[in-house]
Protein backbone atom coordinates (compact mmCIF):
# COMPACT_ATOMS: atom_id res chain seq x y z
CA MET A 1 37.09 8.62 32.03
CA ILE A 2 35.57 5.35 30.81
CA ARG A 3 35.66 4.52 27.10
CA VAL A 4 32.68 2.40 26.09
CA GLN A 5 32.54 0.54 22.77
CA TYR A 6 29.48 -1.06 21.20
CA PHE A 7 29.75 -3.83 18.62
CA ALA A 8 27.59 -5.56 16.01
CA ARG A 9 23.84 -5.23 16.57
CA TYR A 10 24.34 -2.96 19.59
CA ARG A 11 26.31 -0.47 17.49
CA GLU A 12 23.57 -0.53 14.86
CA SER A 13 20.72 -0.14 17.38
CA LEU A 14 22.40 2.70 19.26
CA GLY A 15 23.77 4.51 16.23
CA LEU A 16 27.24 4.89 17.70
CA ASP A 17 30.31 2.72 18.00
CA SER A 18 31.83 4.29 21.11
CA GLU A 19 31.63 7.07 23.64
CA GLN A 20 33.58 8.41 26.57
CA LEU A 21 31.93 8.94 29.92
CA PRO A 22 33.37 10.90 32.81
CA TRP A 23 34.40 8.65 35.69
CA ASP A 24 31.64 8.28 38.25
CA THR A 25 31.97 6.53 41.61
CA ARG A 26 28.65 4.78 40.83
CA PHE A 27 30.61 2.61 38.35
CA ALA A 28 31.81 0.07 40.92
CA CYS A 29 31.37 -2.75 38.39
CA LEU A 30 30.44 -3.23 34.77
CA ASP A 31 26.79 -3.87 35.60
CA ASP A 32 26.59 -0.51 37.39
CA LEU A 33 27.75 1.17 34.19
CA ARG A 34 25.26 -0.87 32.17
CA GLN A 35 22.42 0.20 34.50
CA VAL A 36 23.30 3.87 33.96
CA LEU A 37 23.22 3.31 30.19
CA LEU A 38 19.90 1.43 30.43
CA ALA A 39 18.39 4.38 32.31
CA ARG A 40 18.66 6.36 29.06
CA GLY A 41 15.69 4.29 27.83
CA GLY A 42 14.58 3.71 24.26
CA ALA A 43 17.18 2.01 22.07
CA TRP A 44 19.42 1.53 25.13
CA ASP A 45 17.13 -1.28 26.26
CA VAL A 46 19.13 -3.52 23.91
CA LEU A 47 21.78 -3.68 26.66
CA ALA A 48 19.28 -5.45 28.93
CA GLU A 49 19.69 -8.72 27.03
CA ARG A 50 20.50 -11.69 29.26
CA ASN A 51 23.16 -13.06 26.91
CA LEU A 52 25.05 -9.79 26.55
CA MET A 53 28.82 -10.24 26.45
CA CYS A 54 31.31 -7.73 27.77
CA ALA A 55 35.00 -7.04 28.08
CA ARG A 56 37.15 -4.81 30.24
CA ASN A 57 40.48 -3.68 28.83
CA ASP A 58 40.26 -6.23 25.98
CA GLU A 59 39.59 -9.20 28.29
CA LEU A 60 36.24 -10.99 28.36
CA CYS A 61 34.62 -10.66 31.75
CA SER A 62 31.34 -10.83 33.62
CA LEU A 63 29.10 -7.93 34.53
CA ALA A 64 30.45 -8.24 38.08
CA GLU A 65 33.92 -7.12 36.91
CA PRO A 66 35.14 -4.12 38.95
CA LEU A 67 35.80 -0.90 37.05
CA GLN A 68 38.43 1.77 37.49
CA ASP A 69 38.90 5.21 36.04
CA GLY A 70 40.59 4.88 32.64
CA ASP A 71 39.14 1.47 31.77
CA GLN A 72 37.92 0.54 28.31
CA VAL A 73 34.67 -1.41 28.23
CA ALA A 74 33.02 -3.24 25.34
CA PHE A 75 29.49 -4.59 24.99
CA PHE A 76 28.58 -7.05 22.25
CA PRO A 77 25.92 -9.68 21.57
CA THR A 78 26.79 -13.35 21.72
CA VAL A 79 27.99 -14.80 18.46
CA THR A 80 26.28 -17.84 17.03
CA GLY A 81 27.64 -19.88 14.23
CA GLY A 82 26.40 -22.47 11.90
């Protein structure tokens, strides 16, 4: 099982803050998971942003980060300040 959390604008666009997905061997890395989510189309296209940030088990990481069954993943937009 993979727990996926969505934050800020992503949560608002998708209409959910988290979901659990059954483990799938296609999820070799975070980008593989993101591609499966993007395939849903529509509002999920928000996850195609170039500046998307992500975390695995509460640690910031890149989309190349390997995944394992039981991981917690988070997607969130970059934060800008002023």
